[in-house]
């Protein structure tokens, strides 16, 4: 090992020992790659108005992907991912 040792998990941490990150321990980030990935996420070929693609940064500002990833990596204790989409004419559940 490179002179560091894994820390013990605290009883409050859902992460195994050695997996807690701080802003100082984050790897060097390729900002161009993150920007390209964010642009792919913002694509809206059906022109449904997702993520403010045509209206600038009204809904979710550009650069939010990197900020969110850093926040999750350094401060989040719990994360919930919700996926799906709304189907207006469907019976309940409509997603």
PDB file of N, CA and C in Angstrom:
ATOM      1  N   UNK A   1       0.841  -1.177   0.000  1.00  0.00           N
ATOM      2  CA  UNK A   1       0.000   0.000   0.000  1.00  0.00           C
ATOM      3  C   UNK A   1       0.884   1.237   0.000  1.00  0.00           C
ATOM      4  N   UNK A   2       0.366   2.346  -0.377  1.00  0.00           N
ATOM      5  CA  UNK A   2       1.146   3.558  -0.545  1.00  0.00           C
ATOM      6  C   UNK A   2       1.263   4.374   0.738  1.00  0.00           C
ATOM      7  N   UNK A   3       1.457   3.720   1.851  1.00  0.00           N
ATOM      8  CA  UNK A   3       1.625   4.430   3.105  1.00  0.00           C
ATOM      9  C   UNK A   3       0.328   4.815   3.787  1.00  0.00           C
ATOM     10  N   UNK A   4      -0.788   4.506   3.183  1.00  0.00           N
ATOM     11  CA  UNK A   4      -2.064   4.827   3.824  1.00  0.00           C
ATOM     12  C   UNK A   4      -2.700   3.538   4.301  1.00  0.00           C
ATOM     13  N   UNK A   5      -3.551   3.661   5.271  1.00  0.00           N
ATOM     14  CA  UNK A   5      -4.249   2.477   5.741  1.00  0.00           C
ATOM     15  C   UNK A   5      -5.738   2.758   5.700  1.00  0.00           C
ATOM     16  N   UNK A   6      -6.504   1.726   5.479  1.00  0.00           N
ATOM     17  CA  UNK A   6      -7.959   1.873   5.421  1.00  0.00           C
ATOM     18  C   UNK A   6      -8.491   2.206   6.800  1.00  0.00           C
ATOM     19  N   UNK A   7      -9.445   3.121   6.826  1.00  0.00           N
ATOM     20  CA  UNK A   7     -10.049   3.465   8.111  1.00  0.00           C
ATOM     21  C   UNK A   7     -11.158   2.480   8.429  1.00  0.00           C
ATOM     22  N   UNK A   8     -11.472   2.377   9.717  1.00  0.00           N
ATOM     23  CA  UNK A   8     -12.569   1.510  10.128  1.00  0.00           C
ATOM     24  C   UNK A   8     -13.891   2.174   9.794  1.00  0.00           C
ATOM     25  N   UNK A   9     -14.890   1.375   9.472  1.00  0.00           N
ATOM     26  CA  UNK A   9     -16.223   1.917   9.232  1.00  0.00           C
ATOM     27  C   UNK A   9     -16.805   2.396  10.544  1.00  0.00           C
ATOM     28  N   UNK A  10     -17.489   3.524  10.487  1.00  0.00           N
ATOM     29  CA  UNK A  10     -18.192   3.972  11.688  1.00  0.00           C
ATOM     30  C   UNK A  10     -19.558   3.313  11.694  1.00  0.00           C
ATOM     31  N   UNK A  11     -20.189   3.158  12.850  1.00  0.00           N
ATOM     32  CA  UNK A  11     -21.505   2.523  12.896  1.00  0.00           C
ATOM     33  C   UNK A  11     -22.558   3.309  12.119  1.00  0.00           C
ATOM     34  N   UNK A  12     -22.320   4.607  11.876  1.00  0.00           N
ATOM     35  CA  UNK A  12     -23.281   5.435  11.148  1.00  0.00           C
ATOM     36  C   UNK A  12     -23.077   5.397   9.643  1.00  0.00           C
ATOM     37  N   UNK A  13     -21.959   4.872   9.181  1.00  0.00           N
ATOM     38  CA  UNK A  13     -21.635   4.905   7.762  1.00  0.00           C
ATOM     39  C   UNK A  13     -22.137   3.653   7.056  1.00  0.00           C
ATOM     40  N   UNK A  14     -22.878   3.833   5.944  1.00  0.00           N
ATOM     41  CA  UNK A  14     -23.301   2.679   5.157  1.00  0.00           C
ATOM     42  C   UNK A  14     -22.182   2.148   4.277  1.00  0.00           C
ATOM     43  N   UNK A  15     -21.052   2.858   4.237  1.00  0.00           N
ATOM     44  CA  UNK A  15     -19.946   2.468   3.376  1.00  0.00           C
ATOM     45  C   UNK A  15     -18.974   1.564   4.118  1.00  0.00           C
ATOM     46  N   UNK A  16     -18.389   0.593   3.409  1.00  0.00           N
ATOM     47  CA  UNK A  16     -17.368  -0.243   4.032  1.00  0.00           C
ATOM     48  C   UNK A  16     -16.127   0.587   4.365  1.00  0.00           C
ATOM     49  N   UNK A  17     -15.270   0.045   5.196  1.00  0.00           N
ATOM     50  CA  UNK A  17     -14.034   0.730   5.569  1.00  0.00           C
ATOM     51  C   UNK A  17     -13.257   1.124   4.324  1.00  0.00           C
ATOM     52  N   UNK A  18     -12.729   2.333   4.331  1.00  0.00           N
ATOM     53  CA  UNK A  18     -11.905   2.789   3.220  1.00  0.00           C
ATOM     54  C   UNK A  18     -12.666   3.417   2.077  1.00  0.00           C
ATOM     55  N   UNK A  19     -13.985   3.466   2.124  1.00  0.00           N
ATOM     56  CA  UNK A  19     -14.757   3.999   1.014  1.00  0.00           C
ATOM     57  C   UNK A  19     -15.259   5.418   1.253  1.00  0.00           C
ATOM     58  N   UNK A  20     -15.000   6.014   2.389  1.00  0.00           N
ATOM     59  CA  UNK A  20     -15.447   7.389   2.641  1.00  0.00           C
ATOM     60  C   UNK A  20     -14.515   8.337   1.908  1.00  0.00           C
ATOM     61  N   UNK A  21     -15.060   9.267   1.174  1.00  0.00           N
ATOM     62  CA  UNK A  21     -14.265  10.206   0.403  1.00  0.00           C
ATOM     63  C   UNK A  21     -14.339  11.596   1.010  1.00  0.00           C
ATOM     64  N   UNK A  22     -13.345  12.379   0.731  1.00  0.00           N
ATOM     65  CA  UNK A  22     -13.391  13.798   1.058  1.00  0.00           C
ATOM     66  C   UNK A  22     -13.068  14.556  -0.217  1.00  0.00           C
ATOM     67  N   UNK A  23     -13.320  15.857  -0.225  1.00  0.00           N
ATOM     68  CA  UNK A  23     -13.038  16.627  -1.436  1.00  0.00           C
ATOM     69  C   UNK A  23     -11.553  16.580  -1.780  1.00  0.00           C
ATOM     70  N   UNK A  24     -10.684  16.391  -0.788  1.00  0.00           N
ATOM     71  CA  UNK A  24      -9.254  16.307  -1.056  1.00  0.00           C
ATOM     72  C   UNK A  24      -8.867  14.957  -1.662  1.00  0.00           C
ATOM     73  N   UNK A  25      -9.656  13.920  -1.435  1.00  0.00           N
ATOM     74  CA  UNK A  25      -9.292  12.592  -1.918  1.00  0.00           C
ATOM     75  C   UNK A  25      -9.910  12.260  -3.267  1.00  0.00           C
ATOM     76  N   UNK A  26     -10.700  13.183  -3.827  1.00  0.00           N
ATOM     77  CA  UNK A  26     -11.305  12.907  -5.126  1.00  0.00           C
ATOM     78  C   UNK A  26     -10.232  12.859  -6.201  1.00  0.00           C
ATOM     79  N   UNK A  27     -10.394  11.967  -7.176  1.00  0.00           N
ATOM     80  CA  UNK A  27      -9.408  11.889  -8.249  1.00  0.00           C
ATOM     81  C   UNK A  27      -9.472  13.136  -9.130  1.00  0.00           C
ATOM     82  N   UNK A  28      -8.416  13.354  -9.890  1.00  0.00           N
ATOM     83  CA  UNK A  28      -8.412  14.448 -10.858  1.00  0.00           C
ATOM     84  C   UNK A  28      -9.511  14.162 -11.871  1.00  0.00           C
ATOM     85  N   UNK A  29     -10.301  15.175 -12.168  1.00  0.00           N
ATOM     86  CA  UNK A  29     -11.471  15.005 -13.024  1.00  0.00           C
ATOM     87  C   UNK A  29     -11.200  15.605 -14.394  1.00  0.00           C
ATOM     88  N   UNK A  30     -11.562  14.882 -15.440  1.00  0.00           N
ATOM     89  CA  UNK A  30     -11.476  15.383 -16.804  1.00  0.00           C
ATOM     90  C   UNK A  30     -12.748  16.187 -17.071  1.00  0.00           C
ATOM     91  N   UNK A  31     -12.668  17.505 -16.901  1.00  0.00           N
ATOM     92  CA  UNK A  31     -13.844  18.363 -17.037  1.00  0.00           C
ATOM     93  C   UNK A  31     -14.438  18.308 -18.438  1.00  0.00           C
ATOM     94  N   UNK A  32     -13.585  18.183 -19.471  1.00  0.00           N
ATOM     95  CA  UNK A  32     -14.104  18.086 -20.840  1.00  0.00           C
ATOM     96  C   UNK A  32     -14.962  16.840 -21.002  1.00  0.00           C
ATOM     97  N   UNK A  33     -14.519  15.728 -20.434  1.00  0.00           N
ATOM     98  CA  UNK A  33     -15.275  14.479 -20.530  1.00  0.00           C
ATOM     99  C   UNK A  33     -16.608  14.592 -19.790  1.00  0.00           C
ATOM    100  N   UNK A  34     -16.594  15.188 -18.601  1.00  0.00           N
ATOM    101  CA  UNK A  34     -17.834  15.384 -17.845  1.00  0.00           C
ATOM    102  C   UNK A  34     -18.778  16.292 -18.626  1.00  0.00           C
ATOM    103  N   UNK A  35     -18.257  17.365 -19.233  1.00  0.00           N
ATOM    104  CA  UNK A  35     -19.088  18.272 -20.033  1.00  0.00           C
ATOM    105  C   UNK A  35     -19.710  17.539 -21.220  1.00  0.00           C
ATOM    106  N   UNK A  36     -18.932  16.684 -21.884  1.00  0.00           N
ATOM    107  CA  UNK A  36     -19.464  15.916 -23.016  1.00  0.00           C
ATOM    108  C   UNK A  36     -20.566  14.969 -22.549  1.00  0.00           C
ATOM    109  N   UNK A  37     -20.348  14.320 -21.418  1.00  0.00           N
ATOM    110  CA  UNK A  37     -21.348  13.403 -20.881  1.00  0.00           C
ATOM    111  C   UNK A  37     -22.622  14.159 -20.525  1.00  0.00           C
ATOM    112  N   UNK A  38     -22.468  15.332 -19.927  1.00  0.00           N
ATOM    113  CA  UNK A  38     -23.638  16.140 -19.572  1.00  0.00           C
ATOM    114  C   UNK A  38     -24.410  16.559 -20.826  1.00  0.00           C
ATOM    115  N   UNK A  39     -23.706  16.892 -21.898  1.00  0.00           N
ATOM    116  CA  UNK A  39     -24.388  17.251 -23.145  1.00  0.00           C
ATOM    117  C   UNK A  39     -25.165  16.061 -23.707  1.00  0.00           C
ATOM    118  N   UNK A  40     -24.614  14.855 -23.587  1.00  0.00           N
ATOM    119  CA  UNK A  40     -25.346  13.659 -24.026  1.00  0.00           C
ATOM    120  C   UNK A  40     -26.616  13.467 -23.207  1.00  0.00           C
ATOM    121  N   UNK A  41     -26.525  13.696 -21.907  1.00  0.00           N
ATOM    122  CA  UNK A  41     -27.688  13.560 -21.040  1.00  0.00           C
ATOM    123  C   UNK A  41     -28.763  14.562 -21.428  1.00  0.00           C
ATOM    124  N   UNK A  42     -28.353  15.756 -21.841  1.00  0.00           N
ATOM    125  CA  UNK A  42     -29.292  16.826 -22.178  1.00  0.00           C
ATOM    126  C   UNK A  42     -29.923  16.678 -23.564  1.00  0.00           C
ATOM    127  N   UNK A  43     -29.486  15.728 -24.349  1.00  0.00           N
ATOM    128  CA  UNK A  43     -30.073  15.553 -25.689  1.00  0.00           C
ATOM    129  C   UNK A  43     -31.568  15.309 -25.582  1.00  0.00           C
ATOM    130  N   UNK A  44     -32.301  15.879 -26.506  1.00  0.00           N
ATOM    131  CA  UNK A  44     -33.758  15.741 -26.514  1.00  0.00           C
ATOM    132  C   UNK A  44     -34.237  15.622 -27.956  1.00  0.00           C
ATOM    133  N   UNK A  45     -33.933  14.483 -28.621  1.00  0.00           N
ATOM    134  CA  UNK A  45     -34.294  14.353 -30.033  1.00  0.00           C
ATOM    135  C   UNK A  45     -35.799  14.450 -30.281  1.00  0.00           C
ATOM    136  N   UNK A  46     -36.622  14.119 -29.296  1.00  0.00           N
ATOM    137  CA  UNK A  46     -38.073  14.222 -29.448  1.00  0.00           C
ATOM    138  C   UNK A  46     -38.602  15.616 -29.173  1.00  0.00           C
ATOM    139  N   UNK A  47     -37.712  16.548 -28.846  1.00  0.00           N
ATOM    140  CA  UNK A  47     -38.054  17.939 -28.543  1.00  0.00           C
ATOM    141  C   UNK A  47     -39.166  18.034 -27.502  1.00  0.00           C
ATOM    142  N   UNK A  48     -38.976  17.308 -26.405  1.00  0.00           N
ATOM    143  CA  UNK A  48     -39.960  17.298 -25.318  1.00  0.00           C
ATOM    144  C   UNK A  48     -39.664  18.350 -24.260  1.00  0.00           C
ATOM    145  N   UNK A  49     -38.576  19.110 -24.434  1.00  0.00           N
ATOM    146  CA  UNK A  49     -38.251  20.162 -23.483  1.00  0.00           C
ATOM    147  C   UNK A  49     -37.541  19.664 -22.244  1.00  0.00           C
ATOM    148  N   UNK A  50     -36.816  18.570 -22.371  1.00  0.00           N
ATOM    149  CA  UNK A  50     -36.113  17.997 -21.223  1.00  0.00           C
ATOM    150  C   UNK A  50     -34.905  18.832 -20.831  1.00  0.00           C
ATOM    151  N   UNK A  51     -34.735  19.056 -19.564  1.00  0.00           N
ATOM    152  CA  UNK A  51     -33.556  19.704 -18.991  1.00  0.00           C
ATOM    153  C   UNK A  51     -33.219  21.052 -19.602  1.00  0.00           C
ATOM    154  N   UNK A  52     -34.187  21.737 -20.162  1.00  0.00           N
ATOM    155  CA  UNK A  52     -33.936  23.074 -20.671  1.00  0.00           C
ATOM    156  C   UNK A  52     -32.999  23.108 -21.855  1.00  0.00           C
ATOM    157  N   UNK A  53     -32.977  22.046 -22.681  1.00  0.00           N
ATOM    158  CA  UNK A  53     -32.049  21.975 -23.804  1.00  0.00           C
ATOM    159  C   UNK A  53     -32.184  23.179 -24.726  1.00  0.00           C
ATOM    160  N   UNK A  54     -33.408  23.591 -25.010  1.00  0.00           N
ATOM    161  CA  UNK A  54     -33.610  24.676 -25.955  1.00  0.00           C
ATOM    162  C   UNK A  54     -33.753  26.021 -25.265  1.00  0.00           C
ATOM    163  N   UNK A  55     -33.967  26.022 -23.971  1.00  0.00           N
ATOM    164  CA  UNK A  55     -34.173  27.277 -23.260  1.00  0.00           C
ATOM    165  C   UNK A  55     -33.022  27.647 -22.351  1.00  0.00           C
ATOM    166  N   UNK A  56     -31.842  27.175 -22.642  1.00  0.00           N
ATOM    167  CA  UNK A  56     -30.701  27.515 -21.797  1.00  0.00           C
ATOM    168  C   UNK A  56     -30.674  26.686 -20.530  1.00  0.00           C
ATOM    169  N   UNK A  57     -30.372  27.343 -19.437  1.00  0.00           N
ATOM    170  CA  UNK A  57     -30.158  26.644 -18.171  1.00  0.00           C
ATOM    171  C   UNK A  57     -31.277  26.896 -17.170  1.00  0.00           C
ATOM    172  N   UNK A  58     -32.494  27.064 -17.639  1.00  0.00           N
ATOM    173  CA  UNK A  58     -33.594  27.404 -16.735  1.00  0.00           C
ATOM    174  C   UNK A  58     -33.844  26.326 -15.692  1.00  0.00           C
ATOM    175  N   UNK A  59     -33.930  25.071 -16.112  1.00  0.00           N
ATOM    176  CA  UNK A  59     -34.324  24.013 -15.187  1.00  0.00           C
ATOM    177  C   UNK A  59     -33.160  23.477 -14.365  1.00  0.00           C
ATOM    178  N   UNK A  60     -32.143  23.006 -15.025  1.00  0.00           N
ATOM    179  CA  UNK A  60     -30.963  22.463 -14.349  1.00  0.00           C
ATOM    180  C   UNK A  60     -29.745  23.107 -15.003  1.00  0.00           C
ATOM    181  N   UNK A  61     -29.019  23.938 -14.283  1.00  0.00           N
ATOM    182  CA  UNK A  61     -27.896  24.665 -14.883  1.00  0.00           C
ATOM    183  C   UNK A  61     -26.808  23.733 -15.404  1.00  0.00           C
ATOM    184  N   UNK A  62     -26.174  24.138 -16.499  1.00  0.00           N
ATOM    185  CA  UNK A  62     -25.023  23.417 -17.019  1.00  0.00           C
ATOM    186  C   UNK A  62     -23.961  23.373 -15.927  1.00  0.00           C
ATOM    187  N   UNK A  63     -23.315  22.246 -15.792  1.00  0.00           N
ATOM    188  CA  UNK A  63     -22.317  22.067 -14.744  1.00  0.00           C
ATOM    189  C   UNK A  63     -22.867  21.366 -13.513  1.00  0.00           C
ATOM    190  N   UNK A  64     -24.163  21.094 -13.514  1.00  0.00           N
ATOM    191  CA  UNK A  64     -24.782  20.454 -12.352  1.00  0.00           C
ATOM    192  C   UNK A  64     -24.331  19.012 -12.172  1.00  0.00           C
ATOM    193  N   UNK A  65     -23.990  18.330 -13.254  1.00  0.00           N
ATOM    194  CA  UNK A  65     -23.585  16.925 -13.155  1.00  0.00           C
ATOM    195  C   UNK A  65     -22.330  16.784 -12.287  1.00  0.00           C
ATOM    196  N   UNK A  66     -21.329  17.582 -12.554  1.00  0.00           N
ATOM    197  CA  UNK A  66     -20.090  17.504 -11.775  1.00  0.00           C
ATOM    198  C   UNK A  66     -20.328  17.907 -10.323  1.00  0.00           C
ATOM    199  N   UNK A  67     -21.092  18.965 -10.104  1.00  0.00           N
ATOM    200  CA  UNK A  67     -21.381  19.394  -8.728  1.00  0.00           C
ATOM    201  C   UNK A  67     -22.142  18.307  -7.969  1.00  0.00           C
ATOM    202  N   UNK A  68     -23.112  17.676  -8.635  1.00  0.00           N
ATOM    203  CA  UNK A  68     -23.891  16.622  -7.980  1.00  0.00           C
ATOM    204  C   UNK A  68     -23.016  15.410  -7.660  1.00  0.00           C
ATOM    205  N   UNK A  69     -22.152  15.033  -8.587  1.00  0.00           N
ATOM    206  CA  UNK A  69     -21.266  13.888  -8.353  1.00  0.00           C
ATOM    207  C   UNK A  69     -20.329  14.151  -7.183  1.00  0.00           C
ATOM    208  N   UNK A  70     -19.793  15.362  -7.114  1.00  0.00           N
ATOM    209  CA  UNK A  70     -18.909  15.700  -5.991  1.00  0.00           C
ATOM    210  C   UNK A  70     -19.666  15.673  -4.670  1.00  0.00           C
ATOM    211  N   UNK A  71     -20.873  16.196  -4.672  1.00  0.00           N
ATOM    212  CA  UNK A  71     -21.676  16.204  -3.448  1.00  0.00           C
ATOM    213  C   UNK A  71     -21.985  14.776  -3.001  1.00  0.00           C
ATOM    214  N   UNK A  72     -22.357  13.916  -3.956  1.00  0.00           N
ATOM    215  CA  UNK A  72     -22.639  12.520  -3.611  1.00  0.00           C
ATOM    216  C   UNK A  72     -21.396  11.818  -3.071  1.00  0.00           C
ATOM    217  N   UNK A  73     -20.257  12.092  -3.675  1.00  0.00           N
ATOM    218  CA  UNK A  73     -19.025  11.414  -3.277  1.00  0.00           C
ATOM    219  C   UNK A  73     -18.494  11.885  -1.933  1.00  0.00           C
ATOM    220  N   UNK A  74     -18.790  13.122  -1.553  1.00  0.00           N
ATOM    221  CA  UNK A  74     -18.179  13.657  -0.341  1.00  0.00           C
ATOM    222  C   UNK A  74     -19.131  13.822   0.833  1.00  0.00           C
ATOM    223  N   UNK A  75     -20.414  14.044   0.586  1.00  0.00           N
ATOM    224  CA  UNK A  75     -21.291  14.418   1.692  1.00  0.00           C
ATOM    225  C   UNK A  75     -22.526  13.544   1.868  1.00  0.00           C
ATOM    226  N   UNK A  76     -22.965  12.892   0.826  1.00  0.00           N
ATOM    227  CA  UNK A  76     -24.226  12.147   0.908  1.00  0.00           C
ATOM    228  C   UNK A  76     -24.074  10.899   1.771  1.00  0.00           C
ATOM    229  N   UNK A  77     -24.996  10.724   2.685  1.00  0.00           N
ATOM    230  CA  UNK A  77     -25.002   9.506   3.503  1.00  0.00           C
ATOM    231  C   UNK A  77     -25.939   8.477   2.906  1.00  0.00           C
ATOM    232  N   UNK A  78     -27.001   8.946   2.264  1.00  0.00           N
ATOM    233  CA  UNK A  78     -27.979   8.056   1.643  1.00  0.00           C
ATOM    234  C   UNK A  78     -28.349   8.630   0.280  1.00  0.00           C
ATOM    235  N   UNK A  79     -28.606   7.753  -0.668  1.00  0.00           N
ATOM    236  CA  UNK A  79     -28.973   8.176  -2.015  1.00  0.00           C
ATOM    237  C   UNK A  79     -30.167   7.355  -2.466  1.00  0.00           C
ATOM    238  N   UNK A  80     -31.142   8.011  -3.068  1.00  0.00           N
ATOM    239  CA  UNK A  80     -32.290   7.331  -3.657  1.00  0.00           C
ATOM    240  C   UNK A  80     -32.320   7.697  -5.131  1.00  0.00           C
ATOM    241  N   UNK A  81     -32.358   6.698  -5.995  1.00  0.00           N
ATOM    242  CA  UNK A  81     -32.474   6.929  -7.428  1.00  0.00           C
ATOM    243  C   UNK A  81     -33.889   6.579  -7.857  1.00  0.00           C
ATOM    244  N   UNK A  82     -34.542   7.521  -8.502  1.00  0.00           N
ATOM    245  CA  UNK A  82     -35.896   7.309  -8.997  1.00  0.00           C
ATOM    246  C   UNK A  82     -35.845   7.441 -10.508  1.00  0.00           C
ATOM    247  N   UNK A  83     -36.315   6.423 -11.193  1.00  0.00           N
ATOM    248  CA  UNK A  83     -36.332   6.472 -12.648  1.00  0.00           C
ATOM    249  C   UNK A  83     -37.750   6.268 -13.142  1.00  0.00           C
ATOM    250  N   UNK A  84     -37.965   6.581 -14.384  1.00  0.00           N
ATOM    251  CA  UNK A  84     -39.275   6.404 -14.985  1.00  0.00           C
ATOM    252  C   UNK A  84     -39.678   7.640 -15.756  1.00  0.00           C
ATOM    253  N   UNK A  85     -40.840   7.593 -16.318  1.00  0.00           N
ATOM    254  CA  UNK A  85     -41.354   8.724 -17.071  1.00  0.00           C
ATOM    255  C   UNK A  85     -42.866   8.718 -16.988  1.00  0.00           C
ATOM    256  N   UNK A  86     -43.462   9.878 -17.140  1.00  0.00           N
ATOM    257  CA  UNK A  86     -44.899  10.059 -17.022  1.00  0.00           C
ATOM    258  C   UNK A  86     -45.580   9.704 -18.340  1.00  0.00           C
ATOM    259  N   UNK A  87     -46.655   8.915 -18.254  1.00  0.00           N
ATOM    260  CA  UNK A  87     -47.461   8.560 -19.424  1.00  0.00           C
ATOM    261  C   UNK A  87     -48.841   9.162 -19.199  1.00  0.00           C
ATOM    262  N   UNK A  88     -49.160  10.301 -19.844  1.00  0.00           N
ATOM    263  CA  UNK A  88     -50.394  11.031 -19.553  1.00  0.00           C
ATOM    264  C   UNK A  88     -51.677  10.220 -19.702  1.00  0.00           C
ATOM    265  N   UNK A  89     -51.784   9.362 -20.714  1.00  0.00           N
ATOM    266  CA  UNK A  89     -53.037   8.649 -20.960  1.00  0.00           C
ATOM    267  C   UNK A  89     -53.155   7.302 -20.283  1.00  0.00           C
ATOM    268  N   UNK A  90     -52.171   6.904 -19.508  1.00  0.00           N
ATOM    269  CA  UNK A  90     -52.178   5.574 -18.897  1.00  0.00           C
ATOM    270  C   UNK A  90     -53.004   5.559 -17.620  1.00  0.00           C
ATOM    271  N   UNK A  91     -53.477   4.359 -17.282  1.00  0.00           N
ATOM    272  CA  UNK A  91     -54.150   4.195 -15.998  1.00  0.00           C
ATOM    273  C   UNK A  91     -53.086   4.099 -14.904  1.00  0.00           C
ATOM    274  N   UNK A  92     -53.485   4.291 -13.680  1.00  0.00           N
ATOM    275  CA  UNK A  92     -52.539   4.245 -12.566  1.00  0.00           C
ATOM    276  C   UNK A  92     -51.894   2.868 -12.480  1.00  0.00           C
ATOM    277  N   UNK A  93     -50.621   2.723 -12.239  1.00  0.00           N
ATOM    278  CA  UNK A  93     -49.620   3.773 -12.213  1.00  0.00           C
ATOM    279  C   UNK A  93     -49.255   4.218 -13.623  1.00  0.00           C
ATOM    280  N   UNK A  94     -48.924   5.460 -13.752  1.00  0.00           N
ATOM    281  CA  UNK A  94     -48.660   6.038 -15.074  1.00  0.00           C
ATOM    282  C   UNK A  94     -47.183   6.306 -15.288  1.00  0.00           C
ATOM    283  N   UNK A  95     -46.353   5.413 -14.797  1.00  0.00           N
ATOM    284  CA  UNK A  95     -44.930   5.604 -15.063  1.00  0.00           C
ATOM    285  C   UNK A  95     -44.273   4.259 -15.221  1.00  0.00           C
TER     286      UNK A  95
END
